[in-house]
Every structure is written in C-alpha cells, then in structure tokens.
Amino acid sequence: MRYRWRFLLILAVLALVASGIGAHARAVAKPAPSPSASPTNPPTPYMPPDQATNGIWDMILQGNEGITYSVMKLKDDGNNVTGVWLFDKKTTYDITGTRDGTHLTLTLKTHATPPASVGSIDATIDGIADMVGTITLAGKDTPFQGAQHARVPPPPETTPGPQATETPY
C-alpha cells in the first residue's frame, strides 16, 4: 500500500510536469504580438487669418439661460468681413466689420429692410479652426466660441470594416 501511494504521487507529478512542458511548447510556438502604431488624427491645416475667417462657423453661446448653438457664415475680403449669423430658425443677422490680424470687430444688423444695428461681436480667431470672444446683443454681453468643424479632419478608423480599402483622408 505504501508503494501504491508513492507510485500515484510520482504519476501525478509527471503529469503536471508534462502538461507544463506542453503549455510551454505551445506558448513558444506562438509568435509574440508585434507592436503596431496607434492611429492618430492628421493635424488640422494652419491657415493665415485672412483665409481662416472664411467659412461656416458652428457657434456656441454660453449665456445665463444656458448654452445656445447657432451657425455663422463669414467672408473675408482684404480686411473687410461680411456674412450672416443664423441665430435660430426665425432670426438672422447680417454681419459687417473688419479684421485686424487675428482680431475681428463686427456689427450685427437686422436682416430686415431697412437694417438696424442690434449688436456687435468682438472676437479673436486662430489659424487652425477656432474663434472666441464676446457677442453683445440687445445690450447684453455673452461669451462664445466658434469652430469650423468642416476643416477638422475626421477621427482615424481604429477597426476598419470589411469594405474599407483606403484611408478616407
């Protein structure tokens, strides 16, 4: 009986050693995963201020009543800036003003005839795709920020689908 337990113990040890060797052999047989580059966004192209002003700006006003979203369309011709601000579905303002480097000084007028001045915009733009400043409307100052989302590259695809054959940029 004494030898039987020793025999079973030795058999169990041999089985464990054999399974460990087999697992080690399987682990060695598999190639180690190779590191791959993480997908990154291409940088937003820089533009001089006279070109960066042009385009459609998604506006976010941060007033006491909460956050308001709207769209502004601007055109820079020399240092003269014109455009429209689609404040909401019912309200549109005409924009006229000037750009001095990266600083915009704009006047808001009603879209009606005859136009009446109703406010102003004091803003700074950068050459990437951002605008920040203050909108004064009906005597009330409201901070805002604007972005040209159409100029910002889309995020990279981390897991392309079966139909992806080329990069969308």
N, C-alpha and C. Protein backbone atom coordinates (compact mmCIF):
# COMPACT_ATOMS: atom_id res chain seq x y z
N MET A 1 0.82 -1.19 0.00
CA MET A 1 0.00 0.00 0.00
C MET A 1 0.86 1.25 0.00
N ARG A 2 1.96 1.16 0.73
CA ARG A 2 2.84 2.30 0.82
C ARG A 2 3.43 2.65 -0.55
N TYR A 3 3.76 1.64 -1.32
CA TYR A 3 4.34 1.89 -2.63
C TYR A 3 3.29 2.38 -3.63
N ARG A 4 2.07 1.98 -3.39
CA ARG A 4 0.99 2.43 -4.29
C ARG A 4 0.82 3.95 -4.22
N TRP A 5 0.83 4.52 -3.04
CA TRP A 5 0.69 5.98 -2.90
C TRP A 5 1.89 6.70 -3.49
N ARG A 6 3.06 6.14 -3.32
CA ARG A 6 4.25 6.76 -3.93
C ARG A 6 4.13 6.71 -5.45
N PHE A 7 3.68 5.57 -5.96
CA PHE A 7 3.52 5.44 -7.40
C PHE A 7 2.52 6.46 -7.94
N LEU A 8 1.38 6.63 -7.24
CA LEU A 8 0.36 7.60 -7.67
C LEU A 8 0.89 9.03 -7.56
N LEU A 9 1.65 9.31 -6.52
CA LEU A 9 2.23 10.64 -6.37
C LEU A 9 3.22 10.94 -7.49
N ILE A 10 4.07 9.97 -7.80
CA ILE A 10 5.04 10.16 -8.88
C ILE A 10 4.32 10.33 -10.22
N LEU A 11 3.26 9.58 -10.44
CA LEU A 11 2.47 9.69 -11.67
C LEU A 11 1.83 11.08 -11.78
N ALA A 12 1.30 11.60 -10.67
CA ALA A 12 0.69 12.93 -10.67
C ALA A 12 1.73 14.01 -10.96
N VAL A 13 2.91 13.89 -10.35
CA VAL A 13 3.98 14.86 -10.59
C VAL A 13 4.40 14.83 -12.06
N LEU A 14 4.55 13.64 -12.60
CA LEU A 14 4.92 13.52 -14.01
C LEU A 14 3.86 14.13 -14.93
N ALA A 15 2.60 13.96 -14.60
CA ALA A 15 1.52 14.54 -15.40
C ALA A 15 1.56 16.07 -15.36
N LEU A 16 1.82 16.60 -14.17
CA LEU A 16 1.92 18.06 -14.06
C LEU A 16 3.11 18.59 -14.83
N VAL A 17 4.23 17.95 -14.72
CA VAL A 17 5.42 18.38 -15.45
C VAL A 17 5.18 18.29 -16.95
N ALA A 18 4.57 17.24 -17.39
CA ALA A 18 4.30 17.06 -18.82
C ALA A 18 3.35 18.13 -19.33
N SER A 19 2.32 18.45 -18.56
CA SER A 19 1.38 19.49 -19.01
C SER A 19 2.06 20.86 -19.03
N GLY A 20 2.95 21.11 -18.09
CA GLY A 20 3.69 22.38 -18.09
C GLY A 20 4.62 22.49 -19.27
N ILE A 21 5.28 21.38 -19.63
CA ILE A 21 6.18 21.38 -20.79
C ILE A 21 5.36 21.59 -22.05
N GLY A 22 4.20 20.94 -22.13
CA GLY A 22 3.35 21.09 -23.32
C GLY A 22 2.84 22.52 -23.45
N ALA A 23 2.45 23.12 -22.33
CA ALA A 23 1.98 24.51 -22.37
C ALA A 23 3.10 25.44 -22.76
N HIS A 24 4.31 25.16 -22.23
CA HIS A 24 5.45 25.99 -22.59
C HIS A 24 5.76 25.86 -24.08
N ALA A 25 5.68 24.64 -24.60
CA ALA A 25 5.94 24.42 -26.03
C ALA A 25 4.91 25.14 -26.87
N ARG A 26 3.64 25.12 -26.44
CA ARG A 26 2.60 25.83 -27.20
C ARG A 26 2.82 27.33 -27.13
N ALA A 27 3.24 27.83 -25.97
CA ALA A 27 3.49 29.27 -25.84
C ALA A 27 4.67 29.69 -26.69
N VAL A 28 5.69 28.87 -26.76
CA VAL A 28 6.86 29.19 -27.56
C VAL A 28 6.51 29.13 -29.04
N ALA A 29 5.61 28.22 -29.41
CA ALA A 29 5.25 28.05 -30.82
C ALA A 29 4.51 29.26 -31.36
N LYS A 30 3.76 29.99 -30.53
CA LYS A 30 3.02 31.15 -30.99
C LYS A 30 3.94 32.36 -31.08
N PRO A 31 3.89 33.08 -32.19
CA PRO A 31 4.72 34.28 -32.27
C PRO A 31 4.17 35.36 -31.33
N ALA A 32 5.07 36.11 -30.77
CA ALA A 32 4.66 37.20 -29.87
C ALA A 32 4.00 38.29 -30.70
N PRO A 33 2.96 38.93 -30.15
CA PRO A 33 2.32 40.01 -30.91
C PRO A 33 3.31 41.15 -31.13
N SER A 34 3.27 41.69 -32.32
CA SER A 34 4.18 42.80 -32.63
C SER A 34 3.46 44.11 -32.36
N PRO A 35 4.16 45.08 -31.84
CA PRO A 35 3.51 46.37 -31.59
C PRO A 35 3.18 47.05 -32.92
N SER A 36 2.06 47.75 -32.94
CA SER A 36 1.69 48.50 -34.13
C SER A 36 1.42 49.94 -33.74
N ALA A 37 1.55 50.80 -34.69
CA ALA A 37 1.35 52.22 -34.43
C ALA A 37 -0.10 52.50 -34.09
N SER A 38 -0.32 53.36 -33.13
CA SER A 38 -1.67 53.77 -32.78
C SER A 38 -2.17 54.74 -33.84
N PRO A 39 -3.45 54.65 -34.21
CA PRO A 39 -3.95 55.61 -35.19
C PRO A 39 -3.98 57.00 -34.58
N THR A 40 -3.62 57.98 -35.36
CA THR A 40 -3.63 59.36 -34.88
C THR A 40 -4.33 60.23 -35.90
N ASN A 41 -4.88 61.34 -35.42
CA ASN A 41 -5.50 62.30 -36.32
C ASN A 41 -4.44 63.08 -37.06
N PRO A 42 -4.63 63.29 -38.34
CA PRO A 42 -3.72 64.21 -39.01
C PRO A 42 -3.99 65.61 -38.47
N PRO A 43 -2.99 66.46 -38.41
CA PRO A 43 -3.21 67.79 -37.85
C PRO A 43 -4.14 68.62 -38.73
N THR A 44 -4.91 69.50 -38.08
CA THR A 44 -5.73 70.44 -38.83
C THR A 44 -4.80 71.43 -39.51
N PRO A 45 -4.96 71.63 -40.80
CA PRO A 45 -4.03 72.52 -41.51
C PRO A 45 -4.13 73.97 -41.01
N TYR A 46 -2.98 74.60 -40.85
CA TYR A 46 -2.94 76.00 -40.44
C TYR A 46 -3.28 76.88 -41.64
N MET A 47 -4.00 77.97 -41.39
CA MET A 47 -4.32 78.94 -42.44
C MET A 47 -4.02 80.33 -41.92
N PRO A 48 -3.58 81.22 -42.78
CA PRO A 48 -3.41 82.62 -42.36
C PRO A 48 -4.78 83.19 -41.96
N PRO A 49 -4.80 84.19 -41.06
CA PRO A 49 -6.07 84.74 -40.56
C PRO A 49 -7.02 85.21 -41.67
N ASP A 50 -6.49 85.78 -42.75
CA ASP A 50 -7.38 86.25 -43.80
C ASP A 50 -8.08 85.11 -44.52
N GLN A 51 -7.53 83.90 -44.45
CA GLN A 51 -8.20 82.74 -45.04
C GLN A 51 -9.01 81.98 -44.00
N ALA A 52 -8.55 81.97 -42.76
CA ALA A 52 -9.24 81.22 -41.70
C ALA A 52 -10.61 81.81 -41.40
N THR A 53 -10.77 83.11 -41.59
CA THR A 53 -12.06 83.77 -41.31
C THR A 53 -13.15 83.21 -42.21
N ASN A 54 -12.82 82.93 -43.46
CA ASN A 54 -13.81 82.46 -44.43
C ASN A 54 -14.38 81.10 -44.04
N GLY A 55 -15.68 80.99 -44.19
CA GLY A 55 -16.29 79.68 -43.98
C GLY A 55 -17.47 79.69 -43.04
N ILE A 56 -17.89 78.49 -42.71
CA ILE A 56 -19.05 78.28 -41.84
C ILE A 56 -18.55 77.97 -40.44
N TRP A 57 -19.03 78.74 -39.47
CA TRP A 57 -18.62 78.59 -38.07
C TRP A 57 -19.78 78.05 -37.25
N ASP A 58 -19.53 76.99 -36.51
CA ASP A 58 -20.51 76.48 -35.56
C ASP A 58 -20.29 77.24 -34.26
N MET A 59 -21.31 77.97 -33.83
CA MET A 59 -21.19 78.87 -32.69
C MET A 59 -21.84 78.26 -31.44
N ILE A 60 -21.18 78.48 -30.30
CA ILE A 60 -21.71 78.06 -29.00
C ILE A 60 -21.70 79.29 -28.10
N LEU A 61 -22.88 79.79 -27.74
CA LEU A 61 -23.01 80.92 -26.83
C LEU A 61 -23.24 80.39 -25.43
N GLN A 62 -22.55 80.96 -24.45
CA GLN A 62 -22.62 80.47 -23.08
C GLN A 62 -23.24 81.53 -22.18
N GLY A 63 -24.54 81.71 -22.29
CA GLY A 63 -25.23 82.74 -21.53
C GLY A 63 -25.82 82.24 -20.23
N ASN A 64 -26.47 83.15 -19.51
CA ASN A 64 -27.10 82.80 -18.23
C ASN A 64 -28.26 81.83 -18.41
N GLU A 65 -28.89 81.85 -19.58
CA GLU A 65 -30.02 80.97 -19.84
C GLU A 65 -29.58 79.57 -20.25
N GLY A 66 -28.29 79.36 -20.39
CA GLY A 66 -27.78 78.06 -20.82
C GLY A 66 -26.94 78.22 -22.08
N ILE A 67 -26.75 77.12 -22.74
CA ILE A 67 -25.93 77.11 -23.94
C ILE A 67 -26.82 77.18 -25.17
N THR A 68 -26.44 78.03 -26.13
CA THR A 68 -27.18 78.18 -27.37
C THR A 68 -26.25 77.87 -28.53
N TYR A 69 -26.74 77.09 -29.49
CA TYR A 69 -25.97 76.75 -30.68
C TYR A 69 -26.53 77.48 -31.89
N SER A 70 -25.64 77.93 -32.77
CA SER A 70 -26.07 78.60 -33.99
C SER A 70 -24.97 78.47 -35.04
N VAL A 71 -25.22 79.07 -36.21
CA VAL A 71 -24.28 78.98 -37.33
C VAL A 71 -24.00 80.39 -37.86
N MET A 72 -22.73 80.65 -38.14
CA MET A 72 -22.32 81.93 -38.70
C MET A 72 -21.53 81.65 -39.97
N LYS A 73 -21.83 82.41 -41.03
CA LYS A 73 -21.12 82.28 -42.30
C LYS A 73 -20.39 83.58 -42.55
N LEU A 74 -19.06 83.51 -42.70
CA LEU A 74 -18.25 84.71 -42.86
C LEU A 74 -17.44 84.66 -44.15
N LYS A 75 -17.21 85.87 -44.69
CA LYS A 75 -16.37 86.04 -45.88
C LYS A 75 -15.41 87.18 -45.59
N ASP A 76 -14.12 86.91 -45.76
CA ASP A 76 -13.07 87.90 -45.52
C ASP A 76 -12.55 88.37 -46.87
N ASP A 77 -12.69 89.67 -47.15
CA ASP A 77 -12.20 90.25 -48.40
C ASP A 77 -11.24 91.36 -48.03
N GLY A 78 -9.93 91.05 -48.07
CA GLY A 78 -8.95 92.01 -47.58
C GLY A 78 -9.05 92.01 -46.07
N ASN A 79 -9.39 93.15 -45.50
CA ASN A 79 -9.62 93.23 -44.06
C ASN A 79 -11.09 93.46 -43.74
N ASN A 80 -11.95 93.46 -44.76
CA ASN A 80 -13.39 93.64 -44.58
C ASN A 80 -14.05 92.27 -44.47
N VAL A 81 -14.89 92.16 -43.44
CA VAL A 81 -15.58 90.89 -43.18
C VAL A 81 -17.08 91.12 -43.32
N THR A 82 -17.73 90.22 -44.05
CA THR A 82 -19.19 90.26 -44.20
C THR A 82 -19.73 88.86 -43.96
N GLY A 83 -21.03 88.78 -43.72
CA GLY A 83 -21.62 87.46 -43.55
C GLY A 83 -23.00 87.52 -42.95
N VAL A 84 -23.47 86.37 -42.53
CA VAL A 84 -24.77 86.25 -41.86
C VAL A 84 -24.62 85.34 -40.65
N TRP A 85 -25.46 85.61 -39.66
CA TRP A 85 -25.50 84.78 -38.46
C TRP A 85 -26.90 84.21 -38.37
N LEU A 86 -27.03 82.90 -38.48
CA LEU A 86 -28.31 82.22 -38.37
C LEU A 86 -28.50 81.88 -36.90
N PHE A 87 -29.03 82.87 -36.15
CA PHE A 87 -29.14 82.76 -34.69
C PHE A 87 -30.07 81.62 -34.28
N ASP A 88 -31.23 81.55 -34.90
CA ASP A 88 -32.16 80.44 -34.68
C ASP A 88 -33.01 80.30 -35.94
N LYS A 89 -34.05 79.48 -35.89
CA LYS A 89 -34.85 79.23 -37.09
C LYS A 89 -35.58 80.49 -37.58
N LYS A 90 -35.80 81.45 -36.70
CA LYS A 90 -36.56 82.64 -37.06
C LYS A 90 -35.72 83.89 -37.17
N THR A 91 -34.50 83.88 -36.65
CA THR A 91 -33.71 85.11 -36.55
C THR A 91 -32.39 84.98 -37.31
N THR A 92 -32.18 85.92 -38.23
CA THR A 92 -30.93 86.00 -38.99
C THR A 92 -30.41 87.42 -38.90
N TYR A 93 -29.12 87.57 -38.65
CA TYR A 93 -28.49 88.88 -38.59
C TYR A 93 -27.46 89.00 -39.71
N ASP A 94 -27.37 90.19 -40.29
CA ASP A 94 -26.32 90.50 -41.26
C ASP A 94 -25.09 90.95 -40.48
N ILE A 95 -23.93 90.60 -40.99
CA ILE A 95 -22.67 90.93 -40.31
C ILE A 95 -21.80 91.76 -41.24
N THR A 96 -21.26 92.84 -40.70
CA THR A 96 -20.25 93.64 -41.40
C THR A 96 -19.20 94.03 -40.38
N GLY A 97 -17.97 94.22 -40.85
CA GLY A 97 -16.93 94.62 -39.92
C GLY A 97 -15.55 94.48 -40.52
N THR A 98 -14.56 94.46 -39.63
CA THR A 98 -13.17 94.41 -40.08
C THR A 98 -12.40 93.35 -39.30
N ARG A 99 -11.29 92.95 -39.93
CA ARG A 99 -10.34 92.05 -39.29
C ARG A 99 -9.01 92.77 -39.24
N ASP A 100 -8.40 92.82 -38.06
CA ASP A 100 -7.07 93.40 -37.87
C ASP A 100 -6.18 92.28 -37.34
N GLY A 101 -5.45 91.63 -38.24
CA GLY A 101 -4.67 90.46 -37.85
C GLY A 101 -5.61 89.34 -37.50
N THR A 102 -5.60 88.92 -36.24
CA THR A 102 -6.50 87.85 -35.79
C THR A 102 -7.71 88.38 -35.02
N HIS A 103 -7.85 89.69 -34.93
CA HIS A 103 -8.93 90.30 -34.17
C HIS A 103 -10.06 90.74 -35.09
N LEU A 104 -11.29 90.32 -34.77
CA LEU A 104 -12.47 90.70 -35.54
C LEU A 104 -13.31 91.69 -34.75
N THR A 105 -13.74 92.76 -35.41
CA THR A 105 -14.68 93.72 -34.84
C THR A 105 -15.85 93.77 -35.82
N LEU A 106 -16.98 93.20 -35.40
CA LEU A 106 -18.12 93.03 -36.31
C LEU A 106 -19.37 93.70 -35.74
N THR A 107 -20.23 94.15 -36.65
CA THR A 107 -21.50 94.77 -36.28
C THR A 107 -22.64 93.85 -36.74
N LEU A 108 -23.62 93.67 -35.89
CA LEU A 108 -24.80 92.87 -36.20
C LEU A 108 -25.96 93.78 -36.55
N LYS A 109 -26.60 93.49 -37.67
CA LYS A 109 -27.76 94.27 -38.11
C LYS A 109 -28.91 93.33 -38.40
N THR A 110 -30.12 93.85 -38.27
CA THR A 110 -31.29 93.04 -38.60
C THR A 110 -31.26 92.70 -40.09
N HIS A 111 -31.87 91.60 -40.41
CA HIS A 111 -31.91 91.13 -41.79
C HIS A 111 -33.06 91.80 -42.55
N ALA A 112 -33.79 92.70 -41.87
CA ALA A 112 -34.95 93.37 -42.47
C ALA A 112 -34.52 94.62 -43.22
N THR A 113 -35.46 95.22 -43.91
CA THR A 113 -35.22 96.49 -44.61
C THR A 113 -36.04 97.56 -43.92
N PRO A 114 -35.47 98.66 -43.52
CA PRO A 114 -34.05 98.97 -43.51
C PRO A 114 -33.36 98.25 -42.35
N PRO A 115 -32.09 97.89 -42.54
CA PRO A 115 -31.37 97.20 -41.46
C PRO A 115 -31.13 98.13 -40.28
N ALA A 116 -31.21 97.58 -39.09
CA ALA A 116 -30.96 98.33 -37.87
C ALA A 116 -29.86 97.62 -37.09
N SER A 117 -28.92 98.38 -36.55
CA SER A 117 -27.84 97.81 -35.75
C SER A 117 -28.41 97.31 -34.43
N VAL A 118 -28.11 96.03 -34.10
CA VAL A 118 -28.65 95.44 -32.88
C VAL A 118 -27.57 94.90 -31.94
N GLY A 119 -26.31 94.91 -32.41
CA GLY A 119 -25.27 94.38 -31.54
C GLY A 119 -23.92 94.34 -32.22
N SER A 120 -22.97 93.69 -31.54
CA SER A 120 -21.61 93.62 -32.07
C SER A 120 -20.95 92.31 -31.62
N ILE A 121 -19.85 92.02 -32.30
CA ILE A 121 -19.04 90.85 -31.97
C ILE A 121 -17.60 91.30 -31.87
N ASP A 122 -16.96 90.95 -30.77
CA ASP A 122 -15.54 91.20 -30.57
C ASP A 122 -14.89 89.83 -30.42
N ALA A 123 -14.05 89.43 -31.39
CA ALA A 123 -13.56 88.06 -31.39
C ALA A 123 -12.11 87.98 -31.84
N THR A 124 -11.51 86.86 -31.49
CA THR A 124 -10.16 86.53 -31.94
C THR A 124 -10.23 85.17 -32.61
N ILE A 125 -9.56 85.07 -33.77
CA ILE A 125 -9.51 83.79 -34.48
C ILE A 125 -8.08 83.27 -34.46
N ASP A 126 -7.95 81.97 -34.65
CA ASP A 126 -6.61 81.41 -34.81
C ASP A 126 -6.52 80.81 -36.21
N GLY A 127 -5.37 80.34 -36.57
CA GLY A 127 -5.16 79.80 -37.91
C GLY A 127 -5.53 78.34 -38.01
N ILE A 128 -6.10 77.78 -36.98
CA ILE A 128 -6.47 76.38 -37.02
C ILE A 128 -7.96 76.28 -37.37
N ALA A 129 -8.84 76.48 -36.45
CA ALA A 129 -10.27 76.42 -36.75
C ALA A 129 -11.11 76.92 -35.59
N ASP A 130 -10.59 77.87 -34.80
CA ASP A 130 -11.31 78.33 -33.61
C ASP A 130 -11.48 79.85 -33.58
N MET A 131 -12.56 80.28 -32.93
CA MET A 131 -12.85 81.69 -32.70
C MET A 131 -13.42 81.80 -31.29
N VAL A 132 -12.97 82.82 -30.54
CA VAL A 132 -13.52 83.07 -29.20
C VAL A 132 -13.74 84.56 -29.04
N GLY A 133 -14.69 84.92 -28.19
CA GLY A 133 -14.93 86.33 -27.95
C GLY A 133 -16.23 86.58 -27.22
N THR A 134 -16.76 87.79 -27.46
CA THR A 134 -17.99 88.24 -26.81
C THR A 134 -18.96 88.77 -27.85
N ILE A 135 -20.20 88.36 -27.74
CA ILE A 135 -21.26 88.90 -28.59
C ILE A 135 -22.11 89.79 -27.71
N THR A 136 -22.30 91.03 -28.15
CA THR A 136 -23.18 91.95 -27.44
C THR A 136 -24.45 92.07 -28.27
N LEU A 137 -25.56 91.63 -27.69
CA LEU A 137 -26.84 91.63 -28.39
C LEU A 137 -27.89 92.19 -27.44
N ALA A 138 -28.56 93.24 -27.88
CA ALA A 138 -29.57 93.92 -27.06
C ALA A 138 -28.96 94.38 -25.73
N GLY A 139 -27.72 94.87 -25.76
CA GLY A 139 -27.06 95.40 -24.58
C GLY A 139 -26.51 94.35 -23.62
N LYS A 140 -26.60 93.09 -23.97
CA LYS A 140 -26.16 92.02 -23.08
C LYS A 140 -24.94 91.31 -23.69
N ASP A 141 -23.84 91.21 -22.90
CA ASP A 141 -22.62 90.54 -23.34
C ASP A 141 -22.72 89.04 -23.07
N THR A 142 -22.39 88.25 -24.08
CA THR A 142 -22.42 86.80 -23.94
C THR A 142 -21.12 86.23 -24.51
N PRO A 143 -20.36 85.47 -23.70
CA PRO A 143 -19.15 84.84 -24.24
C PRO A 143 -19.54 83.73 -25.22
N PHE A 144 -18.67 83.51 -26.20
CA PHE A 144 -18.94 82.46 -27.18
C PHE A 144 -17.64 81.85 -27.65
N GLN A 145 -17.79 80.73 -28.29
CA GLN A 145 -16.69 80.12 -29.03
C GLN A 145 -17.26 79.58 -30.33
N GLY A 146 -16.43 79.57 -31.35
CA GLY A 146 -16.85 79.07 -32.65
C GLY A 146 -15.79 78.13 -33.20
N ALA A 147 -16.23 77.23 -34.03
CA ALA A 147 -15.30 76.28 -34.64
C ALA A 147 -15.74 75.98 -36.06
N GLN A 148 -14.77 75.77 -36.91
CA GLN A 148 -15.04 75.34 -38.28
C GLN A 148 -14.83 73.83 -38.35
N HIS A 149 -15.85 73.08 -38.01
CA HIS A 149 -15.71 71.63 -37.94
C HIS A 149 -15.43 71.01 -39.31
N ALA A 150 -15.81 71.68 -40.38
CA ALA A 150 -15.55 71.14 -41.70
C ALA A 150 -14.05 71.08 -41.99
N ARG A 151 -13.25 71.91 -41.31
CA ARG A 151 -11.81 71.92 -41.54
C ARG A 151 -11.06 70.92 -40.70
N VAL A 152 -11.68 70.41 -39.65
CA VAL A 152 -11.00 69.47 -38.76
C VAL A 152 -11.10 68.08 -39.37
N PRO A 153 -9.97 67.38 -39.53
CA PRO A 153 -10.03 66.04 -40.12
C PRO A 153 -10.85 65.08 -39.26
N PRO A 154 -11.48 64.09 -39.89
CA PRO A 154 -12.25 63.12 -39.11
C PRO A 154 -11.32 62.25 -38.28
N PRO A 155 -11.86 61.63 -37.22
CA PRO A 155 -11.01 60.75 -36.40
C PRO A 155 -10.58 59.53 -37.20
N PRO A 156 -9.45 58.94 -36.84
CA PRO A 156 -8.99 57.77 -37.57
C PRO A 156 -9.88 56.57 -37.28
N GLU A 157 -9.93 55.65 -38.22
CA GLU A 157 -10.67 54.42 -38.01
C GLU A 157 -9.75 53.44 -37.30
N THR A 158 -10.17 53.00 -36.12
CA THR A 158 -9.32 52.07 -35.38
C THR A 158 -9.57 50.63 -35.81
N THR A 159 -10.78 50.34 -36.26
CA THR A 159 -11.08 49.00 -36.74
C THR A 159 -11.83 49.13 -38.06
N PRO A 160 -11.10 49.16 -39.17
CA PRO A 160 -11.79 49.32 -40.45
C PRO A 160 -12.69 48.13 -40.73
N GLY A 161 -13.81 48.43 -41.36
CA GLY A 161 -14.76 47.38 -41.69
C GLY A 161 -14.29 46.59 -42.89
N PRO A 162 -15.06 45.59 -43.29
CA PRO A 162 -14.65 44.73 -44.39
C PRO A 162 -14.59 45.47 -45.71
N GLN A 163 -15.32 46.57 -45.86
CA GLN A 163 -15.33 47.31 -47.11
C GLN A 163 -14.23 48.36 -47.18
N ALA A 164 -13.54 48.63 -46.08
CA ALA A 164 -12.51 49.69 -46.05
C ALA A 164 -11.29 49.24 -46.85
N THR A 165 -11.02 49.95 -47.94
CA THR A 165 -9.88 49.59 -48.77
C THR A 165 -8.85 50.70 -48.81
N GLU A 166 -9.27 51.91 -48.49
CA GLU A 166 -8.32 53.03 -48.48
C GLU A 166 -8.67 53.99 -47.38
N THR A 167 -7.72 54.83 -47.00
CA THR A 167 -7.91 55.79 -45.94
C THR A 167 -8.83 56.90 -46.43
N PRO A 168 -9.82 57.34 -45.61
CA PRO A 168 -10.79 58.35 -46.07
C PRO A 168 -10.24 59.77 -46.11
N TYR A 169 -8.98 60.01 -45.82
CA TYR A 169 -8.47 61.39 -45.79
C TYR A 169 -8.03 61.82 -47.16
